[in-house]
Protein backbone atom coordinates (compact mmCIF):
# COMPACT_ATOMS: atom_id res chain seq x y z
CA MET A 1 83.98 85.78 111.73
CA ALA A 2 81.55 86.29 108.87
CA ALA A 3 82.54 85.32 105.34
CA ARG A 4 84.41 88.08 103.57
CA ALA A 5 82.18 90.27 101.42
CA ARG A 6 83.35 90.69 97.85
CA PRO A 7 83.29 94.12 96.21
CA PRO A 8 81.74 94.54 92.77
CA ASP A 9 84.26 93.49 90.12
CA ASP A 10 84.12 96.87 88.40
CA ILE A 11 84.55 98.98 91.55
CA SER A 12 87.06 101.79 91.18
CA PRO A 13 90.03 101.80 93.56
CA LEU A 14 88.90 105.23 94.82
CA GLU A 15 85.43 103.96 95.73
CA PHE A 16 86.87 100.76 97.21
CA PHE A 17 89.30 102.48 99.57
CA THR A 18 87.24 105.56 100.50
CA ALA A 19 83.74 104.08 100.77
CA TRP A 20 83.42 100.32 100.32
CA ILE A 21 86.09 99.08 102.76
CA PRO A 22 85.16 101.53 105.56
CA ALA A 23 81.47 100.61 105.20
CA MET A 24 82.05 96.84 105.11
CA VAL A 25 84.45 96.86 108.03
CA SER A 26 82.18 99.04 110.19
CA GLN A 27 79.24 96.66 109.63
CA ASP A 28 81.12 93.61 110.91
CA ASP A 29 80.85 93.55 114.73
CA GLU A 30 83.07 90.46 115.04
CA ARG A 31 85.84 92.03 112.97
CA ARG A 32 85.57 95.27 114.97
CA ARG A 33 85.89 93.26 118.23
CA ARG A 34 88.90 91.30 116.95
CA ARG A 35 90.55 94.49 115.66
CA GLY A 36 90.46 95.83 119.22
CA ASP A 37 92.60 98.88 119.81
CA THR A 38 94.74 98.49 116.68
CA THR A 39 95.90 101.87 115.44
CA ALA A 40 97.65 101.95 112.07
CA ARG A 41 98.09 103.76 108.78
CA LEU A 42 98.12 101.48 105.76
CA VAL A 43 99.13 102.75 102.35
CA PHE A 44 98.15 100.85 99.23
CA VAL A 45 99.99 101.86 96.07
CA LEU A 46 98.26 100.63 92.91
CA HIS A 47 100.23 100.48 89.68
CA GLU A 48 98.84 100.33 86.18
CA ILE A 49 100.73 100.02 82.90
CA GLU A 50 101.48 103.44 81.41
CA VAL A 51 99.62 105.20 84.24
CA GLU A 52 101.18 106.86 87.25
CA ALA A 53 100.77 104.86 90.46
CA VAL A 54 98.02 106.04 92.81
CA ALA A 55 98.18 105.72 96.58
CA TYR A 56 95.31 105.24 99.01
CA THR A 57 95.53 105.41 102.79
CA LEU A 58 93.44 103.47 105.27
CA GLU A 59 93.58 104.82 108.81
CA ILE A 60 92.56 102.41 111.55
CA GLU A 61 91.82 103.93 114.93
CA ALA A 62 89.37 103.39 117.78
CA GLY A 63 87.75 100.47 115.97
CA SER A 64 86.98 102.42 112.81
CA VAL A 65 88.54 102.49 109.35
CA ARG A 66 88.71 105.65 107.24
CA GLY A 67 89.98 105.73 103.69
CA ARG A 68 91.31 108.54 101.54
CA GLU A 69 93.22 109.07 98.34
CA GLY A 70 96.88 109.93 98.83
CA ARG A 71 99.85 108.65 100.76
CA ALA A 72 100.05 109.01 104.55
CA GLU A 73 103.30 110.23 105.98
CA GLN A 74 105.15 107.48 107.82
CA PRO A 75 102.73 104.62 107.17
CA ASP A 76 102.92 101.58 109.41
CA LEU A 77 102.60 99.31 106.39
CA GLU A 78 102.87 99.97 102.66
CA ILE A 79 101.49 97.52 100.12
CA GLN A 80 102.37 97.81 96.43
CA VAL A 81 100.35 95.90 93.88
CA ASP A 82 99.30 96.22 90.26
CA VAL A 83 95.61 96.78 89.52
CA ALA A 84 95.10 93.36 87.89
CA THR A 85 96.48 91.60 90.98
CA TRP A 86 94.42 93.85 93.29
CA ARG A 87 91.26 92.84 91.38
CA ALA A 88 92.23 89.13 91.54
CA LEU A 89 92.73 89.45 95.30
CA ASN A 90 89.31 91.12 95.68
CA ARG A 91 87.63 88.38 93.63
CA GLY A 92 89.26 85.69 95.77
CA GLU A 93 91.07 84.22 92.75
CA LEU A 94 94.45 84.87 94.37
CA SER A 95 95.48 84.90 98.02
CA ALA A 96 97.87 87.44 99.49
CA PRO A 97 100.49 84.74 100.28
CA GLU A 98 100.31 83.52 96.66
CA ALA A 99 100.67 87.07 95.37
CA LEU A 100 103.71 87.60 97.62
CA LEU A 101 105.34 84.38 96.46
CA LYS A 102 104.73 85.29 92.81
CA ARG A 103 106.15 88.78 93.49
CA ARG A 104 102.93 90.41 92.36
CA LEU A 105 102.52 92.11 95.74
CA ARG A 106 105.19 93.83 97.82
CA MET A 107 105.01 94.96 101.45
CA SER A 108 107.24 97.12 103.58
CA GLY A 109 106.97 98.32 107.14
CA ASN A 110 105.35 96.47 110.03
CA LEU A 111 105.00 92.96 108.63
CA VAL A 112 103.31 91.75 111.83
CA LEU A 113 100.54 94.19 110.95
CA ALA A 114 100.41 92.59 107.49
CA LEU A 115 99.52 89.30 109.17
CA LYS A 116 96.52 91.02 110.80
CA LEU A 117 95.11 92.43 107.54
CA HIS A 118 92.55 89.64 107.27
CA VAL A 119 91.19 90.69 110.68
CA ILE A 120 91.23 94.39 109.84
CA LEU A 121 89.92 94.32 106.29
CA GLY A 122 88.51 90.87 105.74
């Protein structure tokens, strides 16, 4: 699988989830092959100090990934993270297992799907 592309450090969460991730994932033939027939709704809830949390949904179906602002009903996996941790994860300064152990990232739902995130999203 190709090395994971890194988003610009100043990318907004809205642009990341609705444009950047879908574009990067669709351009990676190996990742699309490994994703296979996975169908899932992932909800990412980003928290910021003194700002209401914002949710973004990634819908994976038929080899494609679509992103939108808002929370999907009955997501398969929900990931909660603060914006600073989300940026550190995107920069590669922090791994998801580290963030979980440090309680900077929380997941609920299908945790087997969580193990496949690196295949789905990079």
